[in-house]
Amino acid sequence: MSDTFILIPGRTSAQGCGISEGKFQEKYQTQINTLQVAPGDMQRLGLTAGDRVRLTSDHGQAEVAVAAAKGDELPEGLLFIAYGDISSRLMGGDTHGSGMPTSKGLDVQMTLLNVL
């Protein structure tokens, strides 16, 4: 089973603090490897924190653990992940002359991996 979402990668304050400890330390890695999902979408899909999903865009795919976004920080239908390896796998390479690939508003399919 898969659903279509809009992925919004970005930076987090915890990611910024984690970089001072090092990119390979737990604090930073947790940020870039955890997909934030709206609580309503988590409930609708029967997801719990730590469940793994596959995200697929027109440019690639990646597997990632999920966590519920806090309160109403994230509207249903949107997903958030901190910039890093996972988000880069889902972006295209076209920079449209800006030097930065389009990284906001990526259409992705989310497929649950641990469905029995």
N, C-alpha and C. Protein backbone atom coordinates (compact mmCIF):
# COMPACT_ATOMS: atom_id res chain seq x y z
N MET A 1 0.84 -1.18 0.00
CA MET A 1 0.00 0.00 0.00
C MET A 1 0.88 1.24 0.00
N SER A 2 0.57 2.20 -0.87
CA SER A 2 1.34 3.45 -0.87
C SER A 2 0.39 4.63 -1.00
N ASP A 3 0.85 5.76 -0.51
CA ASP A 3 0.10 7.01 -0.57
C ASP A 3 1.03 8.08 -1.13
N THR A 4 0.45 9.09 -1.77
CA THR A 4 1.21 10.20 -2.32
C THR A 4 1.25 11.33 -1.30
N PHE A 5 2.44 11.90 -1.13
CA PHE A 5 2.66 13.01 -0.20
C PHE A 5 3.54 14.05 -0.87
N ILE A 6 3.66 15.20 -0.22
CA ILE A 6 4.61 16.23 -0.63
C ILE A 6 5.69 16.27 0.44
N LEU A 7 6.94 16.10 0.01
CA LEU A 7 8.08 16.10 0.93
C LEU A 7 8.72 17.48 0.94
N ILE A 8 8.93 17.99 2.15
CA ILE A 8 9.56 19.29 2.34
C ILE A 8 10.86 19.08 3.15
N PRO A 9 12.00 18.88 2.48
CA PRO A 9 13.26 18.81 3.22
C PRO A 9 13.67 20.20 3.72
N GLY A 10 14.45 20.24 4.77
CA GLY A 10 14.93 21.51 5.31
C GLY A 10 15.93 21.27 6.42
N ARG A 11 16.34 22.32 7.05
CA ARG A 11 17.27 22.23 8.18
C ARG A 11 16.47 22.27 9.49
N THR A 12 17.01 21.63 10.52
CA THR A 12 16.40 21.70 11.85
C THR A 12 17.42 22.29 12.82
N SER A 13 16.93 22.85 13.92
CA SER A 13 17.86 23.39 14.92
C SER A 13 18.67 22.26 15.55
N ALA A 14 18.06 21.10 15.77
CA ALA A 14 18.80 19.95 16.33
C ALA A 14 19.89 19.49 15.37
N GLN A 15 19.61 19.57 14.08
CA GLN A 15 20.62 19.22 13.08
C GLN A 15 21.78 20.21 13.16
N GLY A 16 21.46 21.47 13.30
CA GLY A 16 22.49 22.50 13.41
C GLY A 16 23.36 22.31 14.65
N CYS A 17 22.73 21.96 15.78
CA CYS A 17 23.49 21.69 17.01
C CYS A 17 24.31 20.41 16.85
N GLY A 18 23.73 19.42 16.18
CA GLY A 18 24.40 18.14 16.00
C GLY A 18 25.63 18.24 15.14
N ILE A 19 25.64 19.18 14.19
CA ILE A 19 26.80 19.31 13.30
C ILE A 19 28.05 19.66 14.08
N SER A 20 27.88 20.40 15.18
CA SER A 20 29.06 20.77 15.98
C SER A 20 29.66 19.55 16.68
N GLU A 21 28.86 18.52 16.89
CA GLU A 21 29.35 17.27 17.49
C GLU A 21 29.91 16.34 16.42
N GLY A 22 29.51 16.55 15.17
CA GLY A 22 29.99 15.74 14.06
C GLY A 22 28.86 15.09 13.29
N LYS A 23 29.01 15.02 11.98
CA LYS A 23 27.97 14.46 11.12
C LYS A 23 27.72 12.98 11.34
N PHE A 24 28.66 12.28 11.92
CA PHE A 24 28.49 10.84 12.10
C PHE A 24 28.05 10.49 13.51
N GLN A 25 27.77 11.50 14.32
CA GLN A 25 27.29 11.25 15.68
C GLN A 25 25.77 11.07 15.68
N GLU A 26 25.27 10.45 16.73
CA GLU A 26 23.86 10.06 16.80
C GLU A 26 22.90 11.23 16.62
N LYS A 27 23.18 12.36 17.24
CA LYS A 27 22.24 13.50 17.19
C LYS A 27 21.99 13.94 15.74
N TYR A 28 23.06 14.08 14.98
CA TYR A 28 22.94 14.51 13.59
C TYR A 28 22.31 13.42 12.74
N GLN A 29 22.76 12.19 12.88
CA GLN A 29 22.24 11.07 12.09
C GLN A 29 20.75 10.84 12.33
N THR A 30 20.31 10.99 13.57
CA THR A 30 18.88 10.84 13.87
C THR A 30 18.05 11.86 13.11
N GLN A 31 18.54 13.09 13.04
CA GLN A 31 17.81 14.14 12.32
C GLN A 31 17.68 13.83 10.84
N ILE A 32 18.77 13.43 10.19
CA ILE A 32 18.73 13.26 8.75
C ILE A 32 18.14 11.92 8.31
N ASN A 33 17.91 11.03 9.27
CA ASN A 33 17.39 9.70 8.94
C ASN A 33 16.02 9.42 9.54
N THR A 34 15.31 10.46 9.95
CA THR A 34 13.96 10.31 10.51
C THR A 34 12.98 11.18 9.74
N LEU A 35 11.96 10.56 9.20
CA LEU A 35 10.92 11.26 8.46
C LEU A 35 9.82 11.70 9.41
N GLN A 36 9.53 12.99 9.43
CA GLN A 36 8.44 13.52 10.26
C GLN A 36 7.13 13.42 9.48
N VAL A 37 6.13 12.82 10.12
CA VAL A 37 4.82 12.60 9.50
C VAL A 37 3.77 13.25 10.40
N ALA A 38 2.77 13.89 9.82
CA ALA A 38 1.70 14.51 10.59
C ALA A 38 1.01 13.44 11.45
N PRO A 39 0.68 13.78 12.71
CA PRO A 39 0.03 12.80 13.58
C PRO A 39 -1.22 12.17 12.96
N GLY A 40 -2.02 12.95 12.24
CA GLY A 40 -3.23 12.41 11.61
C GLY A 40 -2.89 11.38 10.54
N ASP A 41 -1.84 11.63 9.76
CA ASP A 41 -1.40 10.67 8.76
C ASP A 41 -0.83 9.41 9.42
N MET A 42 -0.10 9.60 10.52
CA MET A 42 0.43 8.44 11.26
C MET A 42 -0.72 7.54 11.70
N GLN A 43 -1.75 8.16 12.26
CA GLN A 43 -2.90 7.40 12.75
C GLN A 43 -3.65 6.73 11.60
N ARG A 44 -3.90 7.47 10.55
CA ARG A 44 -4.64 6.95 9.40
C ARG A 44 -3.94 5.75 8.77
N LEU A 45 -2.61 5.80 8.73
CA LEU A 45 -1.84 4.72 8.11
C LEU A 45 -1.43 3.62 9.08
N GLY A 46 -1.76 3.81 10.37
CA GLY A 46 -1.41 2.80 11.37
C GLY A 46 0.08 2.75 11.66
N LEU A 47 0.76 3.90 11.53
CA LEU A 47 2.20 3.95 11.77
C LEU A 47 2.50 4.27 13.22
N THR A 48 3.59 3.73 13.71
CA THR A 48 4.11 4.09 15.02
C THR A 48 5.57 4.52 14.85
N ALA A 49 6.06 5.30 15.78
CA ALA A 49 7.44 5.79 15.70
C ALA A 49 8.40 4.62 15.52
N GLY A 50 9.31 4.79 14.60
CA GLY A 50 10.30 3.75 14.32
C GLY A 50 9.95 2.84 13.16
N ASP A 51 8.67 2.82 12.75
CA ASP A 51 8.29 2.04 11.58
C ASP A 51 9.09 2.55 10.38
N ARG A 52 9.34 1.66 9.43
CA ARG A 52 10.12 2.03 8.25
C ARG A 52 9.22 2.10 7.02
N VAL A 53 9.52 3.10 6.18
CA VAL A 53 8.79 3.31 4.94
C VAL A 53 9.78 3.49 3.81
N ARG A 54 9.29 3.31 2.59
CA ARG A 54 10.08 3.61 1.40
C ARG A 54 9.48 4.85 0.76
N LEU A 55 10.32 5.83 0.48
CA LEU A 55 9.91 7.02 -0.25
C LEU A 55 10.43 6.89 -1.67
N THR A 56 9.56 7.15 -2.64
CA THR A 56 9.95 7.08 -4.04
C THR A 56 9.53 8.37 -4.73
N SER A 57 10.49 9.01 -5.40
CA SER A 57 10.21 10.21 -6.20
C SER A 57 10.53 9.88 -7.64
N ASP A 58 10.38 10.86 -8.52
CA ASP A 58 10.76 10.68 -9.92
C ASP A 58 12.26 10.49 -10.09
N HIS A 59 13.04 10.80 -9.04
CA HIS A 59 14.50 10.80 -9.15
C HIS A 59 15.19 9.69 -8.37
N GLY A 60 14.48 9.01 -7.48
CA GLY A 60 15.12 7.96 -6.70
C GLY A 60 14.22 7.47 -5.58
N GLN A 61 14.80 6.64 -4.74
CA GLN A 61 14.05 6.12 -3.60
C GLN A 61 14.97 5.93 -2.41
N ALA A 62 14.38 5.86 -1.21
CA ALA A 62 15.14 5.67 0.01
C ALA A 62 14.22 5.09 1.07
N GLU A 63 14.80 4.34 1.99
CA GLU A 63 14.05 3.81 3.12
C GLU A 63 14.43 4.60 4.37
N VAL A 64 13.44 4.84 5.22
CA VAL A 64 13.65 5.72 6.36
C VAL A 64 12.67 5.36 7.48
N ALA A 65 13.06 5.65 8.72
CA ALA A 65 12.19 5.48 9.88
C ALA A 65 11.29 6.70 10.02
N VAL A 66 10.10 6.51 10.57
CA VAL A 66 9.16 7.62 10.76
C VAL A 66 9.03 7.99 12.22
N ALA A 67 8.59 9.23 12.43
CA ALA A 67 8.24 9.74 13.76
C ALA A 67 7.10 10.73 13.56
N ALA A 68 6.26 10.85 14.56
CA ALA A 68 5.15 11.81 14.48
C ALA A 68 5.70 13.22 14.68
N ALA A 69 5.30 14.13 13.81
CA ALA A 69 5.63 15.54 13.99
C ALA A 69 4.94 16.04 15.25
N LYS A 70 5.49 17.07 15.86
CA LYS A 70 4.92 17.61 17.09
C LYS A 70 3.66 18.42 16.80
N GLY A 71 2.62 18.12 17.55
CA GLY A 71 1.39 18.89 17.48
C GLY A 71 0.90 19.14 16.08
N ASP A 72 0.72 20.41 15.75
CA ASP A 72 0.23 20.77 14.42
C ASP A 72 1.33 21.43 13.58
N GLU A 73 2.60 21.07 13.85
CA GLU A 73 3.72 21.63 13.10
C GLU A 73 3.67 21.27 11.61
N LEU A 74 3.07 20.13 11.30
CA LEU A 74 3.08 19.63 9.93
C LEU A 74 1.66 19.26 9.52
N PRO A 75 1.12 19.91 8.51
CA PRO A 75 -0.24 19.56 8.05
C PRO A 75 -0.27 18.16 7.43
N GLU A 76 -1.41 17.53 7.49
CA GLU A 76 -1.57 16.23 6.86
C GLU A 76 -1.29 16.37 5.36
N GLY A 77 -0.67 15.34 4.80
CA GLY A 77 -0.33 15.35 3.38
C GLY A 77 1.08 15.82 3.09
N LEU A 78 1.72 16.44 4.10
CA LEU A 78 3.11 16.88 3.96
C LEU A 78 4.01 16.02 4.82
N LEU A 79 5.23 15.80 4.36
CA LEU A 79 6.26 15.08 5.10
C LEU A 79 7.46 16.00 5.23
N PHE A 80 8.23 15.83 6.31
CA PHE A 80 9.44 16.63 6.50
C PHE A 80 10.61 15.72 6.85
N ILE A 81 11.77 16.00 6.28
CA ILE A 81 13.02 15.36 6.68
C ILE A 81 14.13 16.40 6.59
N ALA A 82 15.07 16.31 7.52
CA ALA A 82 16.21 17.23 7.49
C ALA A 82 17.10 16.91 6.29
N TYR A 83 17.69 17.95 5.71
CA TYR A 83 18.61 17.76 4.59
C TYR A 83 19.69 16.75 4.96
N GLY A 84 19.98 15.86 4.02
CA GLY A 84 21.02 14.86 4.22
C GLY A 84 20.96 13.84 3.10
N ASP A 85 21.54 12.69 3.35
CA ASP A 85 21.63 11.65 2.34
C ASP A 85 20.25 11.24 1.81
N ILE A 86 19.29 11.03 2.70
CA ILE A 86 17.95 10.57 2.28
C ILE A 86 17.30 11.59 1.36
N SER A 87 17.27 12.86 1.78
CA SER A 87 16.61 13.88 0.96
C SER A 87 17.32 14.05 -0.38
N SER A 88 18.64 13.92 -0.39
CA SER A 88 19.40 14.07 -1.64
C SER A 88 19.08 12.97 -2.64
N ARG A 89 18.79 11.78 -2.17
CA ARG A 89 18.45 10.67 -3.07
C ARG A 89 17.13 10.92 -3.81
N LEU A 90 16.30 11.79 -3.27
CA LEU A 90 14.97 12.01 -3.83
C LEU A 90 14.89 13.26 -4.71
N MET A 91 15.94 14.06 -4.71
CA MET A 91 15.98 15.29 -5.51
C MET A 91 16.57 15.02 -6.89
N GLY A 92 16.15 15.79 -7.85
CA GLY A 92 16.76 15.74 -9.18
C GLY A 92 18.02 16.59 -9.20
N GLY A 93 18.75 16.52 -10.28
CA GLY A 93 19.99 17.27 -10.39
C GLY A 93 19.86 18.61 -11.07
N ASP A 94 18.71 18.90 -11.67
CA ASP A 94 18.53 20.16 -12.40
C ASP A 94 18.46 21.32 -11.41
N THR A 95 19.33 22.30 -11.61
CA THR A 95 19.35 23.46 -10.71
C THR A 95 18.60 24.66 -11.28
N HIS A 96 18.11 24.54 -12.51
CA HIS A 96 17.38 25.64 -13.16
C HIS A 96 18.20 26.92 -13.15
N GLY A 97 19.55 26.76 -13.23
CA GLY A 97 20.45 27.90 -13.28
C GLY A 97 20.78 28.52 -11.93
N SER A 98 20.24 27.96 -10.85
CA SER A 98 20.45 28.57 -9.53
C SER A 98 21.63 27.97 -8.78
N GLY A 99 22.11 26.80 -9.21
CA GLY A 99 23.19 26.13 -8.49
C GLY A 99 22.69 25.22 -7.38
N MET A 100 21.39 25.24 -7.10
CA MET A 100 20.80 24.41 -6.05
C MET A 100 19.63 23.64 -6.64
N PRO A 101 19.64 22.30 -6.53
CA PRO A 101 18.50 21.54 -7.07
C PRO A 101 17.20 21.89 -6.33
N THR A 102 16.10 21.70 -7.01
CA THR A 102 14.80 21.91 -6.36
C THR A 102 14.68 20.93 -5.20
N SER A 103 14.45 21.46 -4.01
CA SER A 103 14.43 20.59 -2.83
C SER A 103 13.18 20.77 -2.00
N LYS A 104 12.27 21.56 -2.43
CA LYS A 104 11.02 21.77 -1.68
C LYS A 104 9.85 21.29 -2.51
N GLY A 105 8.87 20.73 -1.85
CA GLY A 105 7.65 20.34 -2.55
C GLY A 105 7.83 19.17 -3.49
N LEU A 106 8.61 18.17 -3.07
CA LEU A 106 8.84 16.99 -3.90
C LEU A 106 7.67 16.02 -3.77
N ASP A 107 7.10 15.61 -4.88
CA ASP A 107 6.05 14.59 -4.86
C ASP A 107 6.71 13.25 -4.59
N VAL A 108 6.23 12.54 -3.57
CA VAL A 108 6.78 11.23 -3.24
C VAL A 108 5.66 10.24 -2.96
N GLN A 109 5.95 8.99 -3.24
CA GLN A 109 5.07 7.89 -2.83
C GLN A 109 5.67 7.32 -1.55
N MET A 110 4.86 7.13 -0.53
CA MET A 110 5.32 6.51 0.71
C MET A 110 4.69 5.13 0.81
N THR A 111 5.55 4.11 0.89
CA THR A 111 5.11 2.73 0.99
C THR A 111 5.53 2.16 2.33
N LEU A 112 4.59 1.57 3.04
CA LEU A 112 4.89 0.97 4.33
C LEU A 112 5.69 -0.30 4.10
N LEU A 113 6.78 -0.48 4.85
CA LEU A 113 7.63 -1.65 4.66
C LEU A 113 7.34 -2.78 5.62
N ASN A 114 6.84 -2.48 6.79
CA ASN A 114 6.65 -3.54 7.78
C ASN A 114 5.18 -3.92 7.96
N VAL A 115 4.47 -4.01 6.85
CA VAL A 115 3.09 -4.46 6.89
C VAL A 115 3.09 -5.97 6.77
N LEU A 116 2.41 -6.63 7.70
CA LEU A 116 2.36 -8.09 7.67
C LEU A 116 1.26 -8.60 6.80
